[in-house]
């Protein structure tokens, strides 16, 4: 019971504010609005979120969390600009979950960097697969562009 911590004075308010915004976002996306409306809504919500974050940055008990949100300003509502994109990263996490489990079970990577690189590659491949893109073609194009190779 000692591990339980009551929310500090402003933590509950920030939490409720963010949950309310997420609910509004899901409701808005569910209506499948036209792009012009999505762009305007993103601009409005970005501005509102900045105001909220600026306020919560002034409180000791919410400063760290508010700064985390502040660092992502401009990016939190990106899903509005891409119809079909989910407002969470659940799909991406599900796609790499099996690879993380395999990595932990068999211990195939000898360095942290190797493990990170594997996760990045698998994440990109899973994203291409979800987008219905040809993974072989995309990978070849990316490697050729990055390594400056051209077909002979």
N, C-alpha and C. Protein backbone atom coordinates (compact mmCIF):
# COMPACT_ATOMS: atom_id res chain seq x y z
N UNK A 1 0.82 -1.19 0.00
CA UNK A 1 0.00 0.00 0.00
C UNK A 1 0.86 1.26 0.00
N UNK A 2 2.10 1.16 0.44
CA UNK A 2 2.97 2.32 0.48
C UNK A 2 3.34 2.81 -0.92
N UNK A 3 3.25 1.91 -1.92
CA UNK A 3 3.62 2.28 -3.29
C UNK A 3 2.56 3.15 -3.96
N UNK A 4 1.34 3.14 -3.44
CA UNK A 4 0.27 3.93 -4.03
C UNK A 4 0.53 5.40 -3.79
N UNK A 5 0.36 6.18 -4.83
CA UNK A 5 0.63 7.61 -4.71
C UNK A 5 -0.60 8.39 -5.19
N UNK A 6 -1.08 9.25 -4.36
CA UNK A 6 -2.18 10.12 -4.76
C UNK A 6 -1.68 11.11 -5.80
N UNK A 7 -2.50 11.42 -6.81
CA UNK A 7 -2.06 12.42 -7.78
C UNK A 7 -1.80 13.75 -7.10
N UNK A 8 -0.78 14.43 -7.55
CA UNK A 8 -0.48 15.75 -7.01
C UNK A 8 -1.59 16.70 -7.45
N UNK A 9 -1.51 17.91 -6.97
CA UNK A 9 -2.56 18.89 -7.17
C UNK A 9 -2.99 19.06 -8.62
N UNK A 10 -2.05 19.17 -9.55
CA UNK A 10 -2.41 19.46 -10.94
C UNK A 10 -2.33 18.25 -11.87
N UNK A 11 -1.76 17.14 -11.39
CA UNK A 11 -1.61 15.96 -12.24
C UNK A 11 -2.95 15.43 -12.73
N UNK A 12 -3.93 15.39 -11.86
CA UNK A 12 -5.26 14.90 -12.24
C UNK A 12 -5.86 15.78 -13.33
N UNK A 13 -5.69 17.08 -13.20
CA UNK A 13 -6.22 18.01 -14.21
C UNK A 13 -5.57 17.81 -15.56
N UNK A 14 -4.25 17.63 -15.59
CA UNK A 14 -3.56 17.39 -16.85
C UNK A 14 -4.01 16.07 -17.47
N UNK A 15 -4.13 15.05 -16.65
CA UNK A 15 -4.57 13.75 -17.14
C UNK A 15 -5.97 13.84 -17.75
N UNK A 16 -6.88 14.47 -17.05
CA UNK A 16 -8.25 14.61 -17.56
C UNK A 16 -8.27 15.42 -18.85
N UNK A 17 -7.47 16.47 -18.90
CA UNK A 17 -7.39 17.32 -20.10
C UNK A 17 -6.93 16.50 -21.30
N UNK A 18 -5.89 15.69 -21.12
CA UNK A 18 -5.36 14.90 -22.23
C UNK A 18 -6.33 13.80 -22.65
N UNK A 19 -6.99 13.16 -21.69
CA UNK A 19 -7.98 12.14 -22.04
C UNK A 19 -9.16 12.75 -22.80
N UNK A 20 -9.58 13.91 -22.38
CA UNK A 20 -10.68 14.60 -23.06
C UNK A 20 -10.28 14.94 -24.50
N UNK A 21 -9.08 15.40 -24.69
CA UNK A 21 -8.59 15.74 -26.03
C UNK A 21 -8.51 14.50 -26.92
N UNK A 22 -8.07 13.39 -26.35
CA UNK A 22 -7.98 12.15 -27.13
C UNK A 22 -9.37 11.67 -27.54
N UNK A 23 -10.34 11.78 -26.65
CA UNK A 23 -11.71 11.40 -26.97
C UNK A 23 -12.26 12.29 -28.08
N UNK A 24 -12.00 13.59 -28.01
CA UNK A 24 -12.45 14.51 -29.06
C UNK A 24 -11.80 14.16 -30.39
N UNK A 25 -10.52 13.81 -30.37
CA UNK A 25 -9.80 13.44 -31.58
C UNK A 25 -10.43 12.20 -32.22
N UNK A 26 -10.69 11.17 -31.42
CA UNK A 26 -11.29 9.94 -31.96
C UNK A 26 -12.68 10.21 -32.53
N UNK A 27 -13.45 11.04 -31.86
CA UNK A 27 -14.79 11.38 -32.35
C UNK A 27 -14.70 12.13 -33.67
N UNK A 28 -13.80 13.08 -33.75
CA UNK A 28 -13.62 13.87 -34.98
C UNK A 28 -13.20 12.98 -36.14
N UNK A 29 -12.22 12.12 -35.92
CA UNK A 29 -11.74 11.22 -36.97
C UNK A 29 -12.85 10.26 -37.40
N UNK A 30 -13.66 9.83 -36.45
CA UNK A 30 -14.75 8.90 -36.75
C UNK A 30 -15.76 9.45 -37.73
N UNK A 31 -15.84 10.77 -37.83
CA UNK A 31 -16.78 11.41 -38.77
C UNK A 31 -16.21 11.49 -40.18
N UNK A 32 -14.93 11.13 -40.35
CA UNK A 32 -14.23 11.16 -41.64
C UNK A 32 -14.42 12.50 -42.35
N UNK A 33 -13.99 13.59 -41.70
CA UNK A 33 -14.16 14.93 -42.28
C UNK A 33 -13.26 15.14 -43.49
N UNK A 34 -13.60 16.10 -44.35
CA UNK A 34 -12.75 16.41 -45.51
C UNK A 34 -11.41 16.99 -45.05
N UNK A 35 -10.42 16.95 -45.93
CA UNK A 35 -9.05 17.36 -45.59
C UNK A 35 -8.98 18.80 -45.11
N UNK A 36 -9.71 19.70 -45.75
CA UNK A 36 -9.66 21.11 -45.35
C UNK A 36 -10.09 21.27 -43.89
N UNK A 37 -11.13 20.55 -43.51
CA UNK A 37 -11.60 20.61 -42.13
C UNK A 37 -10.57 19.99 -41.17
N UNK A 38 -9.91 18.93 -41.61
CA UNK A 38 -8.89 18.28 -40.80
C UNK A 38 -7.72 19.24 -40.53
N UNK A 39 -7.29 19.94 -41.58
CA UNK A 39 -6.16 20.88 -41.46
C UNK A 39 -6.52 21.99 -40.48
N UNK A 40 -7.70 22.55 -40.63
CA UNK A 40 -8.13 23.63 -39.73
C UNK A 40 -8.24 23.14 -38.29
N UNK A 41 -8.77 21.94 -38.11
CA UNK A 41 -8.92 21.39 -36.76
C UNK A 41 -7.55 21.13 -36.14
N UNK A 42 -6.61 20.62 -36.92
CA UNK A 42 -5.25 20.38 -36.41
C UNK A 42 -4.63 21.68 -35.93
N UNK A 43 -4.74 22.73 -36.73
CA UNK A 43 -4.18 24.03 -36.35
C UNK A 43 -4.80 24.53 -35.05
N UNK A 44 -6.12 24.40 -34.94
CA UNK A 44 -6.82 24.86 -33.74
C UNK A 44 -6.39 24.05 -32.52
N UNK A 45 -6.36 22.73 -32.66
CA UNK A 45 -5.98 21.89 -31.53
C UNK A 45 -4.51 22.05 -31.16
N UNK A 46 -3.65 22.26 -32.14
CA UNK A 46 -2.23 22.51 -31.83
C UNK A 46 -2.11 23.77 -30.97
N UNK A 47 -2.84 24.81 -31.35
CA UNK A 47 -2.81 26.07 -30.59
C UNK A 47 -3.36 25.86 -29.18
N UNK A 48 -4.49 25.17 -29.07
CA UNK A 48 -5.09 24.91 -27.76
C UNK A 48 -4.15 24.10 -26.87
N UNK A 49 -3.53 23.08 -27.46
CA UNK A 49 -2.63 22.23 -26.68
C UNK A 49 -1.43 23.02 -26.18
N UNK A 50 -0.92 23.92 -26.99
CA UNK A 50 0.19 24.77 -26.56
C UNK A 50 -0.21 25.59 -25.35
N UNK A 51 -1.41 26.14 -25.37
CA UNK A 51 -1.91 26.93 -24.24
C UNK A 51 -1.99 26.08 -22.97
N UNK A 52 -2.53 24.88 -23.11
CA UNK A 52 -2.65 23.97 -21.96
C UNK A 52 -1.28 23.61 -21.41
N UNK A 53 -0.37 23.25 -22.31
CA UNK A 53 0.98 22.84 -21.90
C UNK A 53 1.73 23.99 -21.24
N UNK A 54 1.61 25.17 -21.80
CA UNK A 54 2.27 26.33 -21.20
C UNK A 54 1.81 26.53 -19.76
N UNK A 55 0.52 26.33 -19.51
CA UNK A 55 0.00 26.47 -18.15
C UNK A 55 0.58 25.40 -17.23
N UNK A 56 0.53 24.13 -17.67
CA UNK A 56 0.98 23.04 -16.80
C UNK A 56 2.50 23.00 -16.63
N UNK A 57 3.23 23.67 -17.49
CA UNK A 57 4.69 23.78 -17.31
C UNK A 57 5.04 24.66 -16.11
N UNK A 58 4.09 25.47 -15.66
CA UNK A 58 4.36 26.37 -14.54
C UNK A 58 4.20 25.69 -13.19
N UNK A 59 3.64 24.48 -13.15
CA UNK A 59 3.42 23.77 -11.90
C UNK A 59 4.51 22.73 -11.68
N UNK A 60 5.02 22.67 -10.47
CA UNK A 60 6.09 21.72 -10.15
C UNK A 60 5.67 20.27 -10.38
N UNK A 61 4.43 19.93 -10.03
CA UNK A 61 4.01 18.53 -10.09
C UNK A 61 3.68 18.05 -11.51
N UNK A 62 3.59 18.95 -12.48
CA UNK A 62 3.28 18.54 -13.85
C UNK A 62 4.32 19.01 -14.87
N UNK A 63 5.34 19.69 -14.41
CA UNK A 63 6.32 20.28 -15.33
C UNK A 63 6.96 19.25 -16.26
N UNK A 64 7.41 18.12 -15.72
CA UNK A 64 8.11 17.11 -16.53
C UNK A 64 7.17 16.55 -17.60
N UNK A 65 5.96 16.20 -17.21
CA UNK A 65 5.00 15.65 -18.17
C UNK A 65 4.60 16.70 -19.21
N UNK A 66 4.40 17.92 -18.77
CA UNK A 66 4.01 18.99 -19.69
C UNK A 66 5.12 19.28 -20.69
N UNK A 67 6.36 19.23 -20.24
CA UNK A 67 7.48 19.46 -21.17
C UNK A 67 7.60 18.34 -22.18
N UNK A 68 7.29 17.12 -21.76
CA UNK A 68 7.29 15.99 -22.70
C UNK A 68 6.27 16.27 -23.82
N UNK A 69 5.10 16.70 -23.44
CA UNK A 69 4.06 17.03 -24.43
C UNK A 69 4.52 18.22 -25.26
N UNK A 70 5.13 19.19 -24.61
CA UNK A 70 5.60 20.40 -25.29
C UNK A 70 6.61 20.07 -26.40
N UNK A 71 7.48 19.10 -26.16
CA UNK A 71 8.48 18.73 -27.17
C UNK A 71 7.84 18.14 -28.42
N UNK A 72 6.62 17.64 -28.30
CA UNK A 72 5.94 17.06 -29.45
C UNK A 72 4.93 17.99 -30.10
N UNK A 73 4.86 19.23 -29.63
CA UNK A 73 3.88 20.17 -30.20
C UNK A 73 4.07 20.25 -31.71
N UNK A 74 2.95 20.22 -32.41
CA UNK A 74 2.98 20.22 -33.87
C UNK A 74 2.89 18.82 -34.45
N UNK A 75 3.17 17.82 -33.61
CA UNK A 75 3.16 16.43 -34.09
C UNK A 75 2.04 15.59 -33.48
N UNK A 76 1.45 16.05 -32.40
CA UNK A 76 0.47 15.23 -31.69
C UNK A 76 -0.77 14.93 -32.51
N UNK A 77 -1.15 15.80 -33.40
CA UNK A 77 -2.38 15.60 -34.18
C UNK A 77 -2.08 15.27 -35.64
N UNK A 78 -0.91 14.74 -35.92
CA UNK A 78 -0.51 14.41 -37.29
C UNK A 78 -1.49 13.47 -37.96
N UNK A 79 -2.10 12.57 -37.21
CA UNK A 79 -3.03 11.60 -37.79
C UNK A 79 -4.20 12.28 -38.50
N UNK A 80 -4.49 13.52 -38.15
CA UNK A 80 -5.57 14.23 -38.84
C UNK A 80 -5.25 14.45 -40.31
N UNK A 81 -3.98 14.58 -40.64
CA UNK A 81 -3.58 14.89 -42.01
C UNK A 81 -3.45 13.64 -42.88
N UNK A 82 -3.60 12.47 -42.28
CA UNK A 82 -3.46 11.21 -43.01
C UNK A 82 -4.67 10.33 -42.74
N UNK A 83 -5.72 10.46 -43.55
CA UNK A 83 -6.91 9.63 -43.34
C UNK A 83 -6.54 8.15 -43.26
N UNK A 84 -7.10 7.49 -42.27
CA UNK A 84 -6.81 6.07 -42.06
C UNK A 84 -5.73 5.83 -41.03
N UNK A 85 -4.93 6.86 -40.74
CA UNK A 85 -3.88 6.72 -39.73
C UNK A 85 -4.53 6.75 -38.34
N UNK A 86 -4.14 5.80 -37.51
CA UNK A 86 -4.68 5.73 -36.16
C UNK A 86 -4.03 6.79 -35.27
N UNK A 87 -4.75 7.30 -34.27
CA UNK A 87 -4.18 8.32 -33.38
C UNK A 87 -3.24 7.73 -32.32
N UNK A 88 -3.02 6.44 -32.36
CA UNK A 88 -2.06 5.81 -31.45
C UNK A 88 -1.02 5.08 -32.28
N UNK A 89 0.00 4.58 -31.63
CA UNK A 89 1.00 3.79 -32.35
C UNK A 89 0.82 2.31 -32.06
N UNK A 90 -0.40 1.91 -31.69
CA UNK A 90 -0.65 0.51 -31.34
C UNK A 90 -0.32 -0.45 -32.47
N UNK A 91 -0.68 -0.11 -33.71
CA UNK A 91 -0.39 -1.00 -34.84
C UNK A 91 1.10 -1.20 -35.02
N UNK A 92 1.86 -0.13 -34.90
CA UNK A 92 3.31 -0.24 -35.04
C UNK A 92 3.90 -1.09 -33.92
N UNK A 93 3.41 -0.90 -32.71
CA UNK A 93 3.92 -1.68 -31.58
C UNK A 93 3.56 -3.15 -31.73
N UNK A 94 2.33 -3.43 -32.21
CA UNK A 94 1.94 -4.82 -32.42
C UNK A 94 2.83 -5.48 -33.46
N UNK A 95 3.19 -4.72 -34.48
CA UNK A 95 4.00 -5.27 -35.57
C UNK A 95 5.39 -5.67 -35.11
N UNK A 96 5.97 -4.93 -34.16
CA UNK A 96 7.34 -5.26 -33.73
C UNK A 96 7.37 -6.11 -32.46
N UNK A 97 6.23 -6.28 -31.82
CA UNK A 97 6.20 -7.01 -30.56
C UNK A 97 6.81 -8.41 -30.70
N UNK A 98 6.42 -9.14 -31.75
CA UNK A 98 6.93 -10.51 -31.91
C UNK A 98 8.45 -10.52 -32.07
N UNK A 99 8.98 -9.51 -32.73
CA UNK A 99 10.43 -9.45 -32.94
C UNK A 99 11.17 -9.14 -31.64
N UNK A 100 10.58 -8.32 -30.81
CA UNK A 100 11.19 -8.01 -29.52
C UNK A 100 11.22 -9.27 -28.65
N UNK A 101 10.14 -10.03 -28.67
CA UNK A 101 10.08 -11.26 -27.89
C UNK A 101 11.13 -12.25 -28.38
N UNK A 102 11.22 -12.43 -29.69
CA UNK A 102 12.23 -13.34 -30.26
C UNK A 102 13.62 -12.90 -29.86
N UNK A 103 13.89 -11.62 -29.97
CA UNK A 103 15.21 -11.09 -29.63
C UNK A 103 15.55 -11.40 -28.17
N UNK A 104 14.57 -11.24 -27.29
CA UNK A 104 14.83 -11.48 -25.87
C UNK A 104 15.01 -12.97 -25.57
N UNK A 105 14.25 -13.80 -26.26
CA UNK A 105 14.33 -15.24 -26.00
C UNK A 105 15.65 -15.82 -26.48
N UNK A 106 16.03 -15.52 -27.71
CA UNK A 106 17.22 -16.17 -28.25
C UNK A 106 18.48 -15.33 -28.10
N UNK A 107 18.34 -14.09 -27.69
CA UNK A 107 19.51 -13.26 -27.44
C UNK A 107 20.42 -13.13 -28.65
N UNK A 108 19.84 -12.85 -29.80
CA UNK A 108 20.62 -12.84 -31.03
C UNK A 108 21.52 -11.63 -31.20
N UNK A 109 21.29 -10.59 -30.46
CA UNK A 109 22.07 -9.38 -30.66
C UNK A 109 23.09 -9.22 -29.55
N UNK A 110 24.29 -8.91 -29.93
CA UNK A 110 25.39 -8.80 -28.97
C UNK A 110 25.62 -7.36 -28.52
N UNK A 111 24.95 -6.43 -29.19
CA UNK A 111 25.12 -5.03 -28.79
C UNK A 111 23.77 -4.33 -28.79
N UNK A 112 23.69 -3.28 -28.03
CA UNK A 112 22.46 -2.48 -27.98
C UNK A 112 22.17 -1.85 -29.33
N UNK A 113 23.21 -1.40 -30.01
CA UNK A 113 23.05 -0.77 -31.32
C UNK A 113 22.47 -1.76 -32.34
N UNK A 114 22.97 -3.00 -32.33
CA UNK A 114 22.45 -4.02 -33.24
C UNK A 114 20.98 -4.29 -32.99
N UNK A 115 20.61 -4.33 -31.74
CA UNK A 115 19.22 -4.54 -31.36
C UNK A 115 18.34 -3.38 -31.84
N UNK A 116 18.81 -2.17 -31.64
CA UNK A 116 18.05 -1.00 -32.09
C UNK A 116 17.90 -0.99 -33.60
N UNK A 117 18.97 -1.29 -34.32
CA UNK A 117 18.91 -1.31 -35.78
C UNK A 117 17.90 -2.33 -36.28
N UNK A 118 17.89 -3.50 -35.65
CA UNK A 118 16.93 -4.54 -36.02
C UNK A 118 15.50 -4.04 -35.82
N UNK A 119 15.24 -3.39 -34.70
CA UNK A 119 13.90 -2.89 -34.42
C UNK A 119 13.49 -1.82 -35.42
N UNK A 120 14.41 -0.94 -35.80
CA UNK A 120 14.09 0.09 -36.79
C UNK A 120 13.74 -0.54 -38.13
N UNK A 121 14.55 -1.51 -38.55
CA UNK A 121 14.31 -2.16 -39.84
C UNK A 121 12.96 -2.88 -39.83
N UNK A 122 12.68 -3.62 -38.78
CA UNK A 122 11.41 -4.34 -38.69
C UNK A 122 10.23 -3.39 -38.65
N UNK A 123 10.39 -2.26 -37.98
CA UNK A 123 9.32 -1.26 -37.92
C UNK A 123 9.03 -0.70 -39.30
N UNK A 124 10.06 -0.39 -40.06
CA UNK A 124 9.89 0.14 -41.41
C UNK A 124 9.22 -0.90 -42.30
N UNK A 125 9.69 -2.15 -42.23
CA UNK A 125 9.10 -3.21 -43.05
C UNK A 125 7.63 -3.43 -42.70
N UNK A 126 7.31 -3.41 -41.41
CA UNK A 126 5.92 -3.59 -40.99
C UNK A 126 5.05 -2.44 -41.46
N UNK A 127 5.59 -1.23 -41.43
CA UNK A 127 4.84 -0.06 -41.91
C UNK A 127 4.54 -0.19 -43.40
N UNK A 128 5.55 -0.58 -44.17
CA UNK A 128 5.34 -0.76 -45.61
C UNK A 128 4.29 -1.84 -45.86
N UNK A 129 4.34 -2.90 -45.07
CA UNK A 129 3.38 -3.98 -45.24
C UNK A 129 1.96 -3.49 -44.95
N UNK A 130 1.80 -2.74 -43.86
CA UNK A 130 0.48 -2.19 -43.52
C UNK A 130 -0.03 -1.24 -44.59
N UNK A 131 0.88 -0.54 -45.25
CA UNK A 131 0.51 0.39 -46.31
C UNK A 131 0.29 -0.30 -47.65
N UNK A 132 0.50 -1.62 -47.68
CA UNK A 132 0.30 -2.38 -48.91
C UNK A 132 1.39 -2.16 -49.95
N UNK A 133 2.54 -1.70 -49.52
CA UNK A 133 3.64 -1.44 -50.45
C UNK A 133 4.47 -2.71 -50.64
N UNK A 134 5.12 -2.81 -51.78
CA UNK A 134 6.00 -3.93 -52.08
C UNK A 134 7.28 -3.73 -51.27
N UNK A 135 7.46 -4.57 -50.27
CA UNK A 135 8.59 -4.39 -49.35
C UNK A 135 9.93 -4.56 -50.06
N UNK A 136 10.02 -5.50 -50.97
CA UNK A 136 11.29 -5.71 -51.69
C UNK A 136 11.67 -4.49 -52.51
N UNK A 137 10.70 -3.95 -53.24
CA UNK A 137 10.97 -2.77 -54.06
C UNK A 137 11.34 -1.57 -53.20
N UNK A 138 10.59 -1.35 -52.12
CA UNK A 138 10.86 -0.21 -51.24
C UNK A 138 12.24 -0.34 -50.59
N UNK A 139 12.58 -1.54 -50.16
CA UNK A 139 13.87 -1.76 -49.53
C UNK A 139 15.00 -1.53 -50.53
N UNK A 140 14.84 -2.07 -51.74
CA UNK A 140 15.87 -1.88 -52.76
C UNK A 140 16.05 -0.40 -53.08
N UNK A 141 14.93 0.30 -53.26
CA UNK A 141 14.99 1.74 -53.58
C UNK A 141 15.66 2.51 -52.44
N UNK A 142 15.30 2.20 -51.21
CA UNK A 142 15.88 2.90 -50.06
C UNK A 142 17.38 2.65 -49.96
N UNK A 143 17.78 1.41 -50.15
CA UNK A 143 19.21 1.09 -50.08
C UNK A 143 19.99 1.75 -51.20
N UNK A 144 19.43 1.73 -52.40
CA UNK A 144 20.12 2.35 -53.53
C UNK A 144 20.25 3.86 -53.31
N UNK A 145 19.20 4.49 -52.83
CA UNK A 145 19.25 5.94 -52.57
C UNK A 145 20.24 6.26 -51.46
N UNK A 146 20.23 5.47 -50.42
CA UNK A 146 21.09 5.73 -49.26
C UNK A 146 22.56 5.44 -49.58
N UNK A 147 22.79 4.39 -50.34
CA UNK A 147 24.16 3.98 -50.63
C UNK A 147 24.68 4.52 -51.96
N UNK A 148 23.84 5.31 -52.65
CA UNK A 148 24.22 5.95 -53.91
C UNK A 148 24.57 4.94 -55.01
N UNK A 149 23.93 3.79 -54.98
CA UNK A 149 24.14 2.82 -56.05
C UNK A 149 23.12 3.08 -57.14
N UNK A 150 23.47 2.75 -58.33
CA UNK A 150 22.50 2.83 -59.42
C UNK A 150 22.60 1.54 -60.21
N UNK A 151 21.52 1.21 -60.86
CA UNK A 151 21.52 0.00 -61.68
C UNK A 151 22.40 0.20 -62.89
N UNK A 152 23.14 -0.81 -63.20
CA UNK A 152 24.04 -0.72 -64.36
C UNK A 152 23.32 -1.14 -65.61
